[in-house]
């Protein structure tokens, strides 16, 4: 029974590692999109500081505000995707852990009756 438990523990660890890598790989592209949008927003904020013309400054401030809203929207979407992926991973690992439990079961095959007289 202990050998089976050790084998199942190793398999469960390998499955956990695969699930972690899969979840992280699925989130690479959304994270990169959020970083790109944040960089664009920061560049727009820096550009507002350097503009002297009031009308141009107003345009740049509007662009900065639009990029900030887009960044927040993408960040919120990323958080939802992370929650979804990690939730799926946790549910899958819980199912695997349940299947991996080693149970030593005994069942009665036959019974004998003795009559003493």
Protein backbone atom coordinates (compact mmCIF):
# COMPACT_ATOMS: atom_id res chain seq x y z
CA UNK A 1 0.00 0.00 0.00
CA UNK A 2 2.82 2.41 0.82
CA UNK A 3 4.53 1.74 -2.51
CA UNK A 4 1.31 2.60 -4.32
CA UNK A 5 0.96 5.78 -2.25
CA UNK A 6 4.52 6.83 -3.13
CA UNK A 7 3.93 6.15 -6.81
CA UNK A 8 0.67 8.08 -6.78
CA UNK A 9 2.33 10.99 -4.95
CA UNK A 10 5.02 11.20 -7.64
CA UNK A 11 2.43 11.08 -10.40
CA UNK A 12 0.34 13.71 -8.67
CA UNK A 13 3.37 16.00 -8.35
CA UNK A 14 4.11 15.57 -12.06
CA UNK A 15 0.48 16.33 -12.92
CA UNK A 16 0.57 19.41 -10.67
CA UNK A 17 3.70 20.68 -12.45
CA UNK A 18 2.10 20.13 -15.88
CA UNK A 19 -1.05 21.94 -14.75
CA UNK A 20 0.98 24.88 -13.41
CA UNK A 21 2.91 25.20 -16.67
CA UNK A 22 -0.29 24.96 -18.72
CA UNK A 23 -2.02 27.66 -16.67
CA UNK A 24 0.98 29.98 -16.92
CA UNK A 25 1.39 29.37 -20.65
CA UNK A 26 -2.28 30.20 -21.24
CA UNK A 27 -1.83 33.51 -19.42
CA UNK A 28 1.34 34.67 -21.21
CA UNK A 29 -0.42 36.43 -24.07
CA UNK A 30 -3.00 38.30 -21.93
CA UNK A 31 -0.25 39.39 -19.53
CA UNK A 32 1.85 40.68 -22.43
CA UNK A 33 -1.15 42.62 -23.77
CA UNK A 34 -1.69 44.23 -20.35
CA UNK A 35 1.99 45.19 -20.10
CA UNK A 36 1.93 46.71 -23.60
CA UNK A 37 -1.18 48.75 -22.78
CA UNK A 38 0.36 49.91 -19.48
CA UNK A 39 3.51 51.03 -21.30
CA UNK A 40 1.41 52.98 -23.83
CA UNK A 41 -0.53 54.62 -21.00
CA UNK A 42 2.67 55.59 -19.17
CA UNK A 43 4.12 57.06 -22.38
CA UNK A 44 0.93 59.10 -22.89
CA UNK A 45 1.10 60.39 -19.29
CA UNK A 46 4.73 61.47 -19.77
CA UNK A 47 3.81 63.17 -23.03
CA UNK A 48 1.15 65.29 -21.28
CA UNK A 49 3.82 66.82 -19.04
CA UNK A 50 5.91 67.98 -21.99
CA UNK A 51 3.13 69.76 -23.94
CA UNK A 52 2.89 73.56 -23.56
CA UNK A 53 -0.11 74.30 -25.82
CA UNK A 54 -3.37 74.08 -23.79
CA UNK A 55 -5.41 72.56 -26.63
CA UNK A 56 -2.75 70.00 -27.40
CA UNK A 57 -2.41 69.25 -23.68
CA UNK A 58 -6.17 68.66 -23.50
CA UNK A 59 -5.94 66.22 -26.42
CA UNK A 60 -3.05 64.40 -24.81
CA UNK A 61 -4.85 64.25 -21.47
CA UNK A 62 -7.89 62.74 -23.21
CA UNK A 63 -5.68 60.17 -24.92
CA UNK A 64 -4.05 59.37 -21.59
CA UNK A 65 -7.46 58.92 -19.93
CA UNK A 66 -8.63 56.65 -22.76
CA UNK A 67 -5.50 54.52 -22.46
CA UNK A 68 -5.95 54.33 -18.69
CA UNK A 69 -9.51 53.02 -19.12
CA UNK A 70 -8.29 50.49 -21.67
CA UNK A 71 -5.50 49.39 -19.31
CA UNK A 72 -7.93 48.94 -16.43
CA UNK A 73 -10.32 46.98 -18.66
CA UNK A 74 -7.55 44.65 -19.82
CA UNK A 75 -6.24 44.27 -16.29
CA UNK A 76 -9.70 43.31 -15.07
CA UNK A 77 -10.01 40.79 -17.91
CA UNK A 78 -6.60 39.35 -17.04
CA UNK A 79 -7.63 38.89 -13.41
CA UNK A 80 -10.79 37.08 -14.51
CA UNK A 81 -8.79 34.82 -16.82
CA UNK A 82 -6.29 34.09 -14.05
CA UNK A 83 -9.10 33.21 -11.66
CA UNK A 84 -10.68 30.96 -14.27
CA UNK A 85 -7.45 29.15 -15.18
CA UNK A 86 -6.32 28.67 -11.59
CA UNK A 87 -9.80 27.52 -10.61
CA UNK A 88 -9.80 24.94 -13.41
CA UNK A 89 -6.35 23.80 -12.34
CA UNK A 90 -7.41 23.45 -8.71
CA UNK A 91 -10.54 21.49 -9.61
CA UNK A 92 -8.58 19.16 -11.88
CA UNK A 93 -5.91 18.55 -9.25
CA UNK A 94 -8.56 17.89 -6.60
CA UNK A 95 -10.14 15.27 -8.87
CA UNK A 96 -6.75 13.67 -9.50
CA UNK A 97 -5.96 13.64 -5.79
CA UNK A 98 -9.28 11.96 -5.12
CA UNK A 99 -8.54 9.30 -7.74
CA UNK A 100 -5.00 8.82 -6.42
CA UNK A 101 -6.07 7.88 -2.91
CA UNK A 102 -5.02 4.36 -2.12
CA UNK A 103 -7.65 2.39 -0.26
CA UNK A 104 -7.02 -1.02 1.17
CA UNK A 105 -10.34 -2.76 1.04
CA UNK A 106 -11.25 -6.15 2.30
CA UNK A 107 -14.34 -8.05 1.43
CA UNK A 108 -15.77 -11.24 2.74
CA UNK A 109 -15.43 -14.03 0.24
CA UNK A 110 -16.89 -16.89 2.20
CA UNK A 111 -18.03 -17.66 5.67
CA UNK A 112 -18.04 -20.83 7.69
CA UNK A 113 -20.39 -21.91 10.41
CA UNK A 114 -19.46 -24.39 13.05
CA UNK A 115 -22.00 -26.15 15.22
CA UNK A 116 -20.72 -27.51 18.41
CA UNK A 117 -22.72 -30.19 20.06
